[in-house]
């Protein structure tokens, strides 16, 4: 697989053995299934992968530069435009190789990578810290649940607000509002960077569909039971996604960590229906039970609130850094921003202070 411009060559020539494709250290791997998930890896060692993964080899450029080229929204947007299929779209390999990329000097490539990696390292640190915070939250909640003698249906403490059925005819390229769908709900997070957009919320849309920072949403179709915290502004809730609405706002941290428990996620998967695609009923979900004691649950939520708030703050910062990275990426590669004028030490110092 080859695409050329300005002397750059991107290759996916790794030998294939039946259903297994070989790759080498420094190759860049991109999932060709559902490109909107933007799954990309920079190989740190030799290995093997599925034939549904595209393997790119850097033959005339810095491998890290190749990784950032293929990490760009522009590349994944291009993949989506070539994709075939609806339920599980796959990029067209031949069409993907028509993607055009530029090739600055080796020194410029390395400078560009240093800038982008500084931003990425800060995002990685936030993600690592959130991993520890998630473990702390689960530990605090588990201790509370063991002291709860009663079992109550979830409907006693919360409701689920279902999303709005937006019309694709209202989508615009530069709309202010992002439409949050099931594909945007990941494991504990929400990524709306590649969402459809509209200019104004529909008049018939219910108020809770205009999501706030810190809203917790639940996927009802496909990979059912995934929950994520909204860390972007101007997100609107689409159908087949629900927002958790506690009867008391103070209960949201505890409910978030409860929905994140693997045992409860398995319960939701167990009641989902459908053959080609699983569907979770909001009404049946609210009939599932939670161990509950008001005093104990109020106390644990007081402890969980700062944990939840710090997770949210880290996600908001990471979202802003990712947006900055994605804004800088095409400008750095096109030469619109002169990399020689970027003070990397000052940038790293600023990111450390964040």
C-alpha atoms as a PDB file:
ATOM      1  CA  UNK A   1       0.000   0.000   0.000  1.00  0.00           C
ATOM      2  CA  UNK A   2       1.688   3.189  -1.114  1.00  0.00           C
ATOM      3  CA  UNK A   3       0.923   6.899  -1.262  1.00  0.00           C
ATOM      4  CA  UNK A   4       3.448   9.474  -2.441  1.00  0.00           C
ATOM      5  CA  UNK A   5       3.827  13.196  -2.262  1.00  0.00           C
ATOM      6  CA  UNK A   6       7.046  15.147  -1.964  1.00  0.00           C
ATOM      7  CA  UNK A   7       9.042  11.910  -1.773  1.00  0.00           C
ATOM      8  CA  UNK A   8       7.223  10.326   1.175  1.00  0.00           C
ATOM      9  CA  UNK A   9       6.313   6.646   0.986  1.00  0.00           C
ATOM     10  CA  UNK A  10       3.858   4.934   3.302  1.00  0.00           C
ATOM     11  CA  UNK A  11       3.905   1.185   2.910  1.00  0.00           C
ATOM     12  CA  UNK A  12       1.938  -1.750   4.255  1.00  0.00           C
ATOM     13  CA  UNK A  13       4.051  -4.515   2.813  1.00  0.00           C
ATOM     14  CA  UNK A  14       4.272  -6.728   5.874  1.00  0.00           C
ATOM     15  CA  UNK A  15       3.936 -10.425   4.949  1.00  0.00           C
ATOM     16  CA  UNK A  16       0.583 -12.019   5.677  1.00  0.00           C
ATOM     17  CA  UNK A  17       0.208 -15.605   6.909  1.00  0.00           C
ATOM     18  CA  UNK A  18      -3.393 -16.735   6.573  1.00  0.00           C
ATOM     19  CA  UNK A  19      -5.432 -14.593   8.938  1.00  0.00           C
ATOM     20  CA  UNK A  20      -2.335 -13.122  10.583  1.00  0.00           C
ATOM     21  CA  UNK A  21      -0.422 -10.110   9.332  1.00  0.00           C
ATOM     22  CA  UNK A  22       3.138  -9.483  10.478  1.00  0.00           C
ATOM     23  CA  UNK A  23       4.445  -6.085  11.493  1.00  0.00           C
ATOM     24  CA  UNK A  24       7.824  -4.760  12.602  1.00  0.00           C
ATOM     25  CA  UNK A  25       9.002  -2.391  15.282  1.00  0.00           C
ATOM     26  CA  UNK A  26       8.212   1.263  14.361  1.00  0.00           C
ATOM     27  CA  UNK A  27       5.450   0.292  11.933  1.00  0.00           C
ATOM     28  CA  UNK A  28       2.186   2.173  12.406  1.00  0.00           C
ATOM     29  CA  UNK A  29      -0.971   0.089  12.807  1.00  0.00           C
ATOM     30  CA  UNK A  30      -4.423   1.459  12.043  1.00  0.00           C
ATOM     31  CA  UNK A  31      -7.682  -0.418  12.550  1.00  0.00           C
ATOM     32  CA  UNK A  32      -9.573  -0.535   9.265  1.00  0.00           C
ATOM     33  CA  UNK A  33     -12.882  -1.359  10.992  1.00  0.00           C
ATOM     34  CA  UNK A  34     -15.060   1.555  12.103  1.00  0.00           C
ATOM     35  CA  UNK A  35     -12.473   4.264  11.360  1.00  0.00           C
ATOM     36  CA  UNK A  36     -14.451   6.750  13.495  1.00  0.00           C
ATOM     37  CA  UNK A  37     -12.946   5.061  16.586  1.00  0.00           C
ATOM     38  CA  UNK A  38      -9.493   6.283  15.419  1.00  0.00           C
ATOM     39  CA  UNK A  39      -7.608   3.246  16.713  1.00  0.00           C
ATOM     40  CA  UNK A  40      -3.926   3.671  15.954  1.00  0.00           C
ATOM     41  CA  UNK A  41      -0.734   2.197  17.421  1.00  0.00           C
ATOM     42  CA  UNK A  42       2.989   2.856  16.998  1.00  0.00           C
ATOM     43  CA  UNK A  43       4.584  -0.615  17.246  1.00  0.00           C
ATOM     44  CA  UNK A  44       7.290  -0.873  19.918  1.00  0.00           C
ATOM     45  CA  UNK A  45       8.287  -4.404  18.845  1.00  0.00           C
ATOM     46  CA  UNK A  46       7.769  -6.986  16.098  1.00  0.00           C
ATOM     47  CA  UNK A  47       4.489  -8.857  16.184  1.00  0.00           C
ATOM     48  CA  UNK A  48       1.354 -10.023  14.394  1.00  0.00           C
ATOM     49  CA  UNK A  49      -2.121  -8.581  13.958  1.00  0.00           C
ATOM     50  CA  UNK A  50      -5.441  -9.215  12.253  1.00  0.00           C
ATOM     51  CA  UNK A  51      -5.844  -8.615   8.525  1.00  0.00           C
ATOM     52  CA  UNK A  52      -8.396  -5.975   9.520  1.00  0.00           C
ATOM     53  CA  UNK A  53      -5.472  -3.838  10.705  1.00  0.00           C
ATOM     54  CA  UNK A  54      -3.568  -1.757   8.171  1.00  0.00           C
ATOM     55  CA  UNK A  55       0.205  -1.846   8.650  1.00  0.00           C
ATOM     56  CA  UNK A  56       2.132   1.208   7.461  1.00  0.00           C
ATOM     57  CA  UNK A  57       5.919   1.184   7.147  1.00  0.00           C
ATOM     58  CA  UNK A  58       7.963   4.386   7.133  1.00  0.00           C
ATOM     59  CA  UNK A  59      10.512   4.005   4.347  1.00  0.00           C
ATOM     60  CA  UNK A  60      11.326   7.642   3.558  1.00  0.00           C
ATOM     61  CA  UNK A  61      10.326   9.517   6.702  1.00  0.00           C
ATOM     62  CA  UNK A  62      10.731   9.425  10.467  1.00  0.00           C
ATOM     63  CA  UNK A  63       8.488   6.660  11.939  1.00  0.00           C
ATOM     64  CA  UNK A  64       7.162   9.017  14.632  1.00  0.00           C
ATOM     65  CA  UNK A  65       6.299  11.586  11.972  1.00  0.00           C
ATOM     66  CA  UNK A  66       4.407   8.890  10.080  1.00  0.00           C
ATOM     67  CA  UNK A  67       2.473   8.075  13.252  1.00  0.00           C
ATOM     68  CA  UNK A  68       1.402  11.709  13.657  1.00  0.00           C
ATOM     69  CA  UNK A  69       0.456  12.014   9.982  1.00  0.00           C
ATOM     70  CA  UNK A  70      -1.868   9.035  10.379  1.00  0.00           C
ATOM     71  CA  UNK A  71      -3.165  10.258  13.755  1.00  0.00           C
ATOM     72  CA  UNK A  72      -4.647  13.379  12.207  1.00  0.00           C
ATOM     73  CA  UNK A  73      -8.388  13.962  11.945  1.00  0.00           C
ATOM     74  CA  UNK A  74      -7.828  14.649   8.252  1.00  0.00           C
ATOM     75  CA  UNK A  75      -6.565  11.090   7.693  1.00  0.00           C
ATOM     76  CA  UNK A  76      -9.380   9.424   9.630  1.00  0.00           C
ATOM     77  CA  UNK A  77     -11.962  11.641   7.906  1.00  0.00           C
ATOM     78  CA  UNK A  78     -10.484  10.468   4.609  1.00  0.00           C
ATOM     79  CA  UNK A  79     -10.717   6.838   5.766  1.00  0.00           C
ATOM     80  CA  UNK A  80     -14.392   7.321   6.639  1.00  0.00           C
ATOM     81  CA  UNK A  81     -15.101   8.787   3.217  1.00  0.00           C
ATOM     82  CA  UNK A  82     -13.644   5.637   1.618  1.00  0.00           C
ATOM     83  CA  UNK A  83     -15.432   3.287   4.030  1.00  0.00           C
ATOM     84  CA  UNK A  84     -17.902   0.680   2.839  1.00  0.00           C
ATOM     85  CA  UNK A  85     -20.725  -0.758   4.912  1.00  0.00           C
ATOM     86  CA  UNK A  86     -23.043   0.766   7.502  1.00  0.00           C
ATOM     87  CA  UNK A  87     -23.096  -1.332  10.685  1.00  0.00           C
ATOM     88  CA  UNK A  88     -19.375  -2.097  10.526  1.00  0.00           C
ATOM     89  CA  UNK A  89     -17.755   0.211   7.954  1.00  0.00           C
ATOM     90  CA  UNK A  90     -14.322  -0.676   6.594  1.00  0.00           C
ATOM     91  CA  UNK A  91     -11.967   1.654   4.795  1.00  0.00           C
ATOM     92  CA  UNK A  92     -11.232   0.908   1.142  1.00  0.00           C
ATOM     93  CA  UNK A  93      -7.525   0.006   1.083  1.00  0.00           C
ATOM     94  CA  UNK A  94      -6.876   1.144  -2.477  1.00  0.00           C
ATOM     95  CA  UNK A  95      -8.685   4.435  -1.928  1.00  0.00           C
ATOM     96  CA  UNK A  96      -6.827   5.031   1.342  1.00  0.00           C
ATOM     97  CA  UNK A  97      -3.573   4.887  -0.558  1.00  0.00           C
ATOM     98  CA  UNK A  98      -4.694   7.966  -2.481  1.00  0.00           C
ATOM     99  CA  UNK A  99      -4.293  10.061   0.666  1.00  0.00           C
ATOM    100  CA  UNK A 100      -1.771  12.832   0.082  1.00  0.00           C
ATOM    101  CA  UNK A 101       0.860  13.821   2.663  1.00  0.00           C
ATOM    102  CA  UNK A 102       3.711  16.314   2.713  1.00  0.00           C
ATOM    103  CA  UNK A 103       7.354  15.660   3.566  1.00  0.00           C
ATOM    104  CA  UNK A 104       9.286  18.397   5.400  1.00  0.00           C
ATOM    105  CA  UNK A 105      12.986  17.985   6.133  1.00  0.00           C
ATOM    106  CA  UNK A 106      14.112  15.344   8.639  1.00  0.00           C
ATOM    107  CA  UNK A 107      14.991  18.045  11.188  1.00  0.00           C
ATOM    108  CA  UNK A 108      11.535  19.592  10.796  1.00  0.00           C
ATOM    109  CA  UNK A 109       9.906  16.181  11.148  1.00  0.00           C
ATOM    110  CA  UNK A 110      11.715  15.572  14.443  1.00  0.00           C
ATOM    111  CA  UNK A 111      10.863  19.056  15.734  1.00  0.00           C
ATOM    112  CA  UNK A 112       7.200  18.555  14.875  1.00  0.00           C
ATOM    113  CA  UNK A 113       7.201  15.218  16.711  1.00  0.00           C
ATOM    114  CA  UNK A 114       8.770  16.770  19.827  1.00  0.00           C
ATOM    115  CA  UNK A 115       6.031  19.407  20.028  1.00  0.00           C
ATOM    116  CA  UNK A 116       3.206  16.936  19.543  1.00  0.00           C
ATOM    117  CA  UNK A 117       4.711  14.365  21.902  1.00  0.00           C
ATOM    118  CA  UNK A 118       4.977  17.001  24.664  1.00  0.00           C
ATOM    119  CA  UNK A 119       1.231  17.492  24.451  1.00  0.00           C
ATOM    120  CA  UNK A 120       0.598  13.759  24.230  1.00  0.00           C
ATOM    121  CA  UNK A 121       2.730  13.023  27.301  1.00  0.00           C
ATOM    122  CA  UNK A 122       0.600  15.382  29.384  1.00  0.00           C
ATOM    123  CA  UNK A 123      -2.558  13.640  28.144  1.00  0.00           C
ATOM    124  CA  UNK A 124      -0.999  10.251  28.998  1.00  0.00           C
ATOM    125  CA  UNK A 125      -0.176  11.445  32.534  1.00  0.00           C
ATOM    126  CA  UNK A 126      -3.768  12.606  33.015  1.00  0.00           C
ATOM    127  CA  UNK A 127      -5.042   9.236  31.792  1.00  0.00           C
ATOM    128  CA  UNK A 128      -2.682   7.406  34.153  1.00  0.00           C
ATOM    129  CA  UNK A 129      -3.823   9.509  37.106  1.00  0.00           C
ATOM    130  CA  UNK A 130      -7.458   8.892  36.195  1.00  0.00           C
ATOM    131  CA  UNK A 131      -6.758   5.162  36.189  1.00  0.00           C
ATOM    132  CA  UNK A 132      -5.615   5.404  39.811  1.00  0.00           C
ATOM    133  CA  UNK A 133      -8.622   7.579  40.680  1.00  0.00           C
ATOM    134  CA  UNK A 134     -10.990   5.033  39.111  1.00  0.00           C
ATOM    135  CA  UNK A 135      -9.459   2.309  41.299  1.00  0.00           C
ATOM    136  CA  UNK A 136      -9.811   4.513  44.387  1.00  0.00           C
ATOM    137  CA  UNK A 137     -13.446   5.234  43.529  1.00  0.00           C
ATOM    138  CA  UNK A 138     -14.235   1.541  43.100  1.00  0.00           C
ATOM    139  CA  UNK A 139     -12.545   0.734  46.407  1.00  0.00           C
ATOM    140  CA  UNK A 140     -14.555   3.375  48.289  1.00  0.00           C
ATOM    141  CA  UNK A 141     -17.815   2.286  46.653  1.00  0.00           C
ATOM    142  CA  UNK A 142     -17.242  -1.428  47.279  1.00  0.00           C
ATOM    143  CA  UNK A 143     -16.685  -0.751  50.973  1.00  0.00           C
ATOM    144  CA  UNK A 144     -19.950   1.181  51.076  1.00  0.00           C
ATOM    145  CA  UNK A 145     -21.964  -1.457  49.221  1.00  0.00           C
ATOM    146  CA  UNK A 146     -20.861  -4.180  51.649  1.00  0.00           C
ATOM    147  CA  UNK A 147     -22.534  -2.215  54.463  1.00  0.00           C
ATOM    148  CA  UNK A 148     -25.828  -1.803  52.578  1.00  0.00           C
ATOM    149  CA  UNK A 149     -28.368  -4.385  53.633  1.00  0.00           C
ATOM    150  CA  UNK A 150     -31.235  -3.383  51.358  1.00  0.00           C
ATOM    151  CA  UNK A 151     -31.582  -3.829  47.595  1.00  0.00           C
ATOM    152  CA  UNK A 152     -33.526  -1.196  45.681  1.00  0.00           C
ATOM    153  CA  UNK A 153     -34.351  -0.857  41.989  1.00  0.00           C
ATOM    154  CA  UNK A 154     -32.317   1.865  40.301  1.00  0.00           C
ATOM    155  CA  UNK A 155     -35.570   3.680  39.557  1.00  0.00           C
ATOM    156  CA  UNK A 156     -35.722   4.533  43.285  1.00  0.00           C
ATOM    157  CA  UNK A 157     -32.636   6.731  43.026  1.00  0.00           C
ATOM    158  CA  UNK A 158     -32.392   7.779  39.359  1.00  0.00           C
ATOM    159  CA  UNK A 159     -33.956   7.959  35.922  1.00  0.00           C
ATOM    160  CA  UNK A 160     -32.550   7.709  32.409  1.00  0.00           C
ATOM    161  CA  UNK A 161     -33.077  10.461  29.850  1.00  0.00           C
ATOM    162  CA  UNK A 162     -33.108   9.098  26.308  1.00  0.00           C
ATOM    163  CA  UNK A 163     -31.607  11.056  23.431  1.00  0.00           C
ATOM    164  CA  UNK A 164     -33.249  12.868  20.532  1.00  0.00           C
ATOM    165  CA  UNK A 165     -33.625  11.524  16.983  1.00  0.00           C
ATOM    166  CA  UNK A 166     -31.719  14.113  14.970  1.00  0.00           C
ATOM    167  CA  UNK A 167     -32.253  14.393  11.223  1.00  0.00           C
ATOM    168  CA  UNK A 168     -29.128  14.034   9.079  1.00  0.00           C
ATOM    169  CA  UNK A 169     -30.498  16.760   6.788  1.00  0.00           C
ATOM    170  CA  UNK A 170     -29.797  19.289   9.580  1.00  0.00           C
ATOM    171  CA  UNK A 171     -26.078  18.419   9.851  1.00  0.00           C
ATOM    172  CA  UNK A 172     -23.556  21.121   8.976  1.00  0.00           C
ATOM    173  CA  UNK A 173     -19.778  20.971   8.729  1.00  0.00           C
ATOM    174  CA  UNK A 174     -19.112  23.881  11.071  1.00  0.00           C
ATOM    175  CA  UNK A 175     -22.092  23.689  13.429  1.00  0.00           C
ATOM    176  CA  UNK A 176     -21.597  24.772  17.027  1.00  0.00           C
ATOM    177  CA  UNK A 177     -23.219  21.702  18.580  1.00  0.00           C
ATOM    178  CA  UNK A 178     -21.780  18.169  18.469  1.00  0.00           C
ATOM    179  CA  UNK A 179     -24.144  15.188  18.350  1.00  0.00           C
ATOM    180  CA  UNK A 180     -23.127  12.506  20.835  1.00  0.00           C
ATOM    181  CA  UNK A 181     -23.904   8.993  19.575  1.00  0.00           C
ATOM    182  CA  UNK A 182     -23.127   5.468  20.801  1.00  0.00           C
ATOM    183  CA  UNK A 183     -19.835   5.491  18.875  1.00  0.00           C
ATOM    184  CA  UNK A 184     -18.648   8.429  21.012  1.00  0.00           C
ATOM    185  CA  UNK A 185     -19.168   6.604  24.330  1.00  0.00           C
ATOM    186  CA  UNK A 186     -15.962   4.800  25.202  1.00  0.00           C
ATOM    187  CA  UNK A 187     -14.906   2.931  28.345  1.00  0.00           C
ATOM    188  CA  UNK A 188     -15.286   5.677  30.952  1.00  0.00           C
ATOM    189  CA  UNK A 189     -14.922   8.584  28.556  1.00  0.00           C
ATOM    190  CA  UNK A 190     -16.646  10.422  25.741  1.00  0.00           C
ATOM    191  CA  UNK A 191     -14.914  11.525  22.530  1.00  0.00           C
ATOM    192  CA  UNK A 192     -16.930  13.846  20.281  1.00  0.00           C
ATOM    193  CA  UNK A 193     -14.007  15.042  18.158  1.00  0.00           C
ATOM    194  CA  UNK A 194     -15.418  13.414  15.023  1.00  0.00           C
ATOM    195  CA  UNK A 195     -19.128  13.984  15.657  1.00  0.00           C
ATOM    196  CA  UNK A 196     -21.747  15.282  13.279  1.00  0.00           C
ATOM    197  CA  UNK A 197     -22.689  18.901  14.004  1.00  0.00           C
ATOM    198  CA  UNK A 198     -25.721  21.150  13.852  1.00  0.00           C
ATOM    199  CA  UNK A 199     -26.140  24.909  14.207  1.00  0.00           C
ATOM    200  CA  UNK A 200     -29.022  24.967  16.705  1.00  0.00           C
ATOM    201  CA  UNK A 201     -30.749  22.409  18.968  1.00  0.00           C
ATOM    202  CA  UNK A 202     -34.194  21.358  17.646  1.00  0.00           C
ATOM    203  CA  UNK A 203     -37.104  23.045  19.416  1.00  0.00           C
ATOM    204  CA  UNK A 204     -38.688  19.678  20.273  1.00  0.00           C
ATOM    205  CA  UNK A 205     -35.507  18.407  21.931  1.00  0.00           C
ATOM    206  CA  UNK A 206     -35.830  17.986  25.701  1.00  0.00           C
ATOM    207  CA  UNK A 207     -33.580  20.127  27.875  1.00  0.00           C
ATOM    208  CA  UNK A 208     -31.547  17.260  29.363  1.00  0.00           C
ATOM    209  CA  UNK A 209     -30.308  16.379  25.857  1.00  0.00           C
ATOM    210  CA  UNK A 210     -28.195  19.538  25.982  1.00  0.00           C
ATOM    211  CA  UNK A 211     -25.424  17.890  27.976  1.00  0.00           C
ATOM    212  CA  UNK A 212     -23.291  19.645  30.572  1.00  0.00           C
ATOM    213  CA  UNK A 213     -19.670  19.125  31.573  1.00  0.00           C
ATOM    214  CA  UNK A 214     -19.725  16.161  33.946  1.00  0.00           C
ATOM    215  CA  UNK A 215     -22.884  14.555  32.559  1.00  0.00           C
ATOM    216  CA  UNK A 216     -22.675  10.749  32.635  1.00  0.00           C
ATOM    217  CA  UNK A 217     -24.023   8.961  29.555  1.00  0.00           C
ATOM    218  CA  UNK A 218     -24.858   5.313  28.881  1.00  0.00           C
ATOM    219  CA  UNK A 219     -24.780   3.422  25.562  1.00  0.00           C
ATOM    220  CA  UNK A 220     -27.996   1.511  24.840  1.00  0.00           C
ATOM    221  CA  UNK A 221     -27.089  -0.171  21.539  1.00  0.00           C
ATOM    222  CA  UNK A 222     -24.132  -2.191  20.268  1.00  0.00           C
ATOM    223  CA  UNK A 223     -21.574  -2.325  23.079  1.00  0.00           C
ATOM    224  CA  UNK A 224     -24.297  -1.768  25.641  1.00  0.00           C
ATOM    225  CA  UNK A 225     -23.570  -0.701  29.187  1.00  0.00           C
ATOM    226  CA  UNK A 226     -20.617   1.551  28.489  1.00  0.00           C
ATOM    227  CA  UNK A 227     -20.644   4.777  30.474  1.00  0.00           C
ATOM    228  CA  UNK A 228     -18.596   7.911  30.014  1.00  0.00           C
ATOM    229  CA  UNK A 229     -18.190  11.386  31.472  1.00  0.00           C
ATOM    230  CA  UNK A 230     -18.839  14.289  29.106  1.00  0.00           C
ATOM    231  CA  UNK A 231     -15.737  16.527  29.067  1.00  0.00           C
ATOM    232  CA  UNK A 232     -16.679  18.797  26.154  1.00  0.00           C
ATOM    233  CA  UNK A 233     -19.147  21.646  25.912  1.00  0.00           C
ATOM    234  CA  UNK A 234     -21.992  21.952  23.382  1.00  0.00           C
ATOM    235  CA  UNK A 235     -22.737  18.213  23.134  1.00  0.00           C
ATOM    236  CA  UNK A 236     -26.270  17.031  22.327  1.00  0.00           C
ATOM    237  CA  UNK A 237     -27.613  13.584  23.209  1.00  0.00           C
ATOM    238  CA  UNK A 238     -28.584  11.387  20.264  1.00  0.00           C
ATOM    239  CA  UNK A 239     -31.054   8.497  20.358  1.00  0.00           C
ATOM    240  CA  UNK A 240     -29.830   5.149  21.725  1.00  0.00           C
ATOM    241  CA  UNK A 241     -27.705   6.984  24.273  1.00  0.00           C
ATOM    242  CA  UNK A 242     -29.107   7.924  27.690  1.00  0.00           C
ATOM    243  CA  UNK A 243     -27.998  10.374  30.358  1.00  0.00           C
ATOM    244  CA  UNK A 244     -28.027   9.316  34.023  1.00  0.00           C
ATOM    245  CA  UNK A 245     -30.311  11.583  36.053  1.00  0.00           C
ATOM    246  CA  UNK A 246     -30.062  10.973  39.824  1.00  0.00           C
ATOM    247  CA  UNK A 247     -33.045  12.097  41.885  1.00  0.00           C
ATOM    248  CA  UNK A 248     -30.458  13.893  44.049  1.00  0.00           C
ATOM    249  CA  UNK A 249     -27.540  15.426  42.150  1.00  0.00           C
ATOM    250  CA  UNK A 250     -25.198  14.471  45.009  1.00  0.00           C
ATOM    251  CA  UNK A 251     -25.652  10.783  44.074  1.00  0.00           C
ATOM    252  CA  UNK A 252     -24.063  11.111  40.613  1.00  0.00           C
ATOM    253  CA  UNK A 253     -20.487  10.128  41.626  1.00  0.00           C
ATOM    254  CA  UNK A 254     -21.684   6.941  43.320  1.00  0.00           C
ATOM    255  CA  UNK A 255     -23.917   6.017  40.389  1.00  0.00           C
ATOM    256  CA  UNK A 256     -21.082   6.642  37.931  1.00  0.00           C
ATOM    257  CA  UNK A 257     -18.758   4.253  39.766  1.00  0.00           C
ATOM    258  CA  UNK A 258     -21.585   1.721  40.193  1.00  0.00           C
ATOM    259  CA  UNK A 259     -22.271   1.697  36.448  1.00  0.00           C
ATOM    260  CA  UNK A 260     -18.514   1.277  35.892  1.00  0.00           C
ATOM    261  CA  UNK A 261     -18.413  -1.956  37.898  1.00  0.00           C
ATOM    262  CA  UNK A 262     -17.805  -4.950  35.631  1.00  0.00           C
ATOM    263  CA  UNK A 263     -20.351  -7.039  37.514  1.00  0.00           C
ATOM    264  CA  UNK A 264     -23.088  -4.466  36.909  1.00  0.00           C
ATOM    265  CA  UNK A 265     -22.064  -3.968  33.281  1.00  0.00           C
ATOM    266  CA  UNK A 266     -22.462  -7.741  32.840  1.00  0.00           C
ATOM    267  CA  UNK A 267     -25.959  -7.470  34.321  1.00  0.00           C
ATOM    268  CA  UNK A 268     -26.855  -4.866  31.693  1.00  0.00           C
ATOM    269  CA  UNK A 269     -25.394  -7.003  28.917  1.00  0.00           C
ATOM    270  CA  UNK A 270     -27.424  -9.929  30.267  1.00  0.00           C
ATOM    271  CA  UNK A 271     -30.767  -8.138  29.858  1.00  0.00           C
ATOM    272  CA  UNK A 272     -29.941  -6.657  26.434  1.00  0.00           C
ATOM    273  CA  UNK A 273     -31.966  -8.011  23.534  1.00  0.00           C
ATOM    274  CA  UNK A 274     -31.332  -8.414  19.831  1.00  0.00           C
ATOM    275  CA  UNK A 275     -29.416 -10.752  17.563  1.00  0.00           C
ATOM    276  CA  UNK A 276     -27.623  -8.612  14.967  1.00  0.00           C
ATOM    277  CA  UNK A 277     -27.116  -5.823  17.526  1.00  0.00           C
ATOM    278  CA  UNK A 278     -27.740  -5.747  21.265  1.00  0.00           C
ATOM    279  CA  UNK A 279     -30.256  -3.212  22.581  1.00  0.00           C
ATOM    280  CA  UNK A 280     -30.660  -2.165  26.194  1.00  0.00           C
ATOM    281  CA  UNK A 281     -34.061  -1.030  27.428  1.00  0.00           C
ATOM    282  CA  UNK A 282     -33.946   2.011  29.756  1.00  0.00           C
ATOM    283  CA  UNK A 283     -37.037   0.733  31.605  1.00  0.00           C
ATOM    284  CA  UNK A 284     -35.529  -2.719  32.197  1.00  0.00           C
ATOM    285  CA  UNK A 285     -32.226  -1.157  33.201  1.00  0.00           C
ATOM    286  CA  UNK A 286     -33.963   0.882  35.890  1.00  0.00           C
ATOM    287  CA  UNK A 287     -35.477  -2.346  37.278  1.00  0.00           C
ATOM    288  CA  UNK A 288     -31.991  -3.681  38.054  1.00  0.00           C
ATOM    289  CA  UNK A 289     -31.158  -3.420  41.735  1.00  0.00           C
ATOM    290  CA  UNK A 290     -28.474  -1.600  43.695  1.00  0.00           C
ATOM    291  CA  UNK A 291     -27.404  -2.241  47.309  1.00  0.00           C
ATOM    292  CA  UNK A 292     -28.596   0.871  49.104  1.00  0.00           C
ATOM    293  CA  UNK A 293     -28.578   2.494  52.516  1.00  0.00           C
ATOM    294  CA  UNK A 294     -29.279   6.228  52.481  1.00  0.00           C
ATOM    295  CA  UNK A 295     -26.819   7.231  55.180  1.00  0.00           C
ATOM    296  CA  UNK A 296     -24.012   5.048  53.840  1.00  0.00           C
ATOM    297  CA  UNK A 297     -24.639   6.149  50.247  1.00  0.00           C
ATOM    298  CA  UNK A 298     -24.717   9.831  51.231  1.00  0.00           C
ATOM    299  CA  UNK A 299     -21.422   9.420  53.096  1.00  0.00           C
ATOM    300  CA  UNK A 300     -19.635   7.594  50.264  1.00  0.00           C
ATOM    301  CA  UNK A 301     -20.825  10.163  47.741  1.00  0.00           C
ATOM    302  CA  UNK A 302     -19.229  12.888  49.849  1.00  0.00           C
ATOM    303  CA  UNK A 303     -15.954  10.957  49.582  1.00  0.00           C
ATOM    304  CA  UNK A 304     -16.420  10.188  45.887  1.00  0.00           C
ATOM    305  CA  UNK A 305     -17.267  13.744  44.813  1.00  0.00           C
ATOM    306  CA  UNK A 306     -13.656  15.080  44.874  1.00  0.00           C
ATOM    307  CA  UNK A 307     -12.500  11.904  43.092  1.00  0.00           C
ATOM    308  CA  UNK A 308     -15.145  12.341  40.389  1.00  0.00           C
ATOM    309  CA  UNK A 309     -14.383  16.071  40.075  1.00  0.00           C
ATOM    310  CA  UNK A 310     -10.650  15.436  39.638  1.00  0.00           C
ATOM    311  CA  UNK A 311     -11.330  12.779  36.996  1.00  0.00           C
ATOM    312  CA  UNK A 312     -13.529  15.289  35.170  1.00  0.00           C
ATOM    313  CA  UNK A 313     -10.927  18.085  35.471  1.00  0.00           C
ATOM    314  CA  UNK A 314      -8.248  15.819  34.005  1.00  0.00           C
ATOM    315  CA  UNK A 315     -10.556  14.797  31.164  1.00  0.00           C
ATOM    316  CA  UNK A 316     -11.424  18.434  30.391  1.00  0.00           C
ATOM    317  CA  UNK A 317      -7.737  19.368  30.311  1.00  0.00           C
ATOM    318  CA  UNK A 318      -6.891  16.356  28.131  1.00  0.00           C
ATOM    319  CA  UNK A 319      -9.703  17.265  25.733  1.00  0.00           C
ATOM    320  CA  UNK A 320      -8.330  20.805  25.406  1.00  0.00           C
ATOM    321  CA  UNK A 321      -4.782  19.494  24.882  1.00  0.00           C
ATOM    322  CA  UNK A 322      -6.014  17.016  22.263  1.00  0.00           C
ATOM    323  CA  UNK A 323      -7.868  19.816  20.468  1.00  0.00           C
ATOM    324  CA  UNK A 324      -4.715  21.939  20.570  1.00  0.00           C
ATOM    325  CA  UNK A 325      -2.677  19.026  19.229  1.00  0.00           C
ATOM    326  CA  UNK A 326      -5.146  18.408  16.415  1.00  0.00           C
ATOM    327  CA  UNK A 327      -5.180  22.128  15.556  1.00  0.00           C
ATOM    328  CA  UNK A 328      -1.389  22.338  15.517  1.00  0.00           C
ATOM    329  CA  UNK A 329      -0.850  19.123  13.569  1.00  0.00           C
ATOM    330  CA  UNK A 330      -1.869  20.311  10.069  1.00  0.00           C
ATOM    331  CA  UNK A 331      -0.355  23.766  10.635  1.00  0.00           C
ATOM    332  CA  UNK A 332       3.009  22.320  11.650  1.00  0.00           C
ATOM    333  CA  UNK A 333       3.077  19.850   8.776  1.00  0.00           C
ATOM    334  CA  UNK A 334       2.118  22.453   6.182  1.00  0.00           C
ATOM    335  CA  UNK A 335       4.750  24.897   7.442  1.00  0.00           C
ATOM    336  CA  UNK A 336       2.111  27.472   8.399  1.00  0.00           C
ATOM    337  CA  UNK A 337       3.703  27.445  11.868  1.00  0.00           C
ATOM    338  CA  UNK A 338       7.499  27.664  11.816  1.00  0.00           C
ATOM    339  CA  UNK A 339       8.709  24.900  14.161  1.00  0.00           C
ATOM    340  CA  UNK A 340      12.037  26.705  14.655  1.00  0.00           C
ATOM    341  CA  UNK A 341      10.175  29.488  16.490  1.00  0.00           C
ATOM    342  CA  UNK A 342       8.533  27.163  19.017  1.00  0.00           C
ATOM    343  CA  UNK A 343      10.338  27.209  22.389  1.00  0.00           C
ATOM    344  CA  UNK A 344      10.047  23.557  23.415  1.00  0.00           C
ATOM    345  CA  UNK A 345      11.478  24.126  26.909  1.00  0.00           C
ATOM    346  CA  UNK A 346       8.925  26.845  27.570  1.00  0.00           C
ATOM    347  CA  UNK A 347       6.129  24.613  26.231  1.00  0.00           C
ATOM    348  CA  UNK A 348       7.189  21.700  28.462  1.00  0.00           C
ATOM    349  CA  UNK A 349       7.411  24.000  31.489  1.00  0.00           C
ATOM    350  CA  UNK A 350       3.918  25.326  30.824  1.00  0.00           C
ATOM    351  CA  UNK A 351       2.479  21.808  30.434  1.00  0.00           C
ATOM    352  CA  UNK A 352       4.179  20.687  33.657  1.00  0.00           C
ATOM    353  CA  UNK A 353       2.522  23.580  35.517  1.00  0.00           C
ATOM    354  CA  UNK A 354      -0.941  22.722  34.164  1.00  0.00           C
END
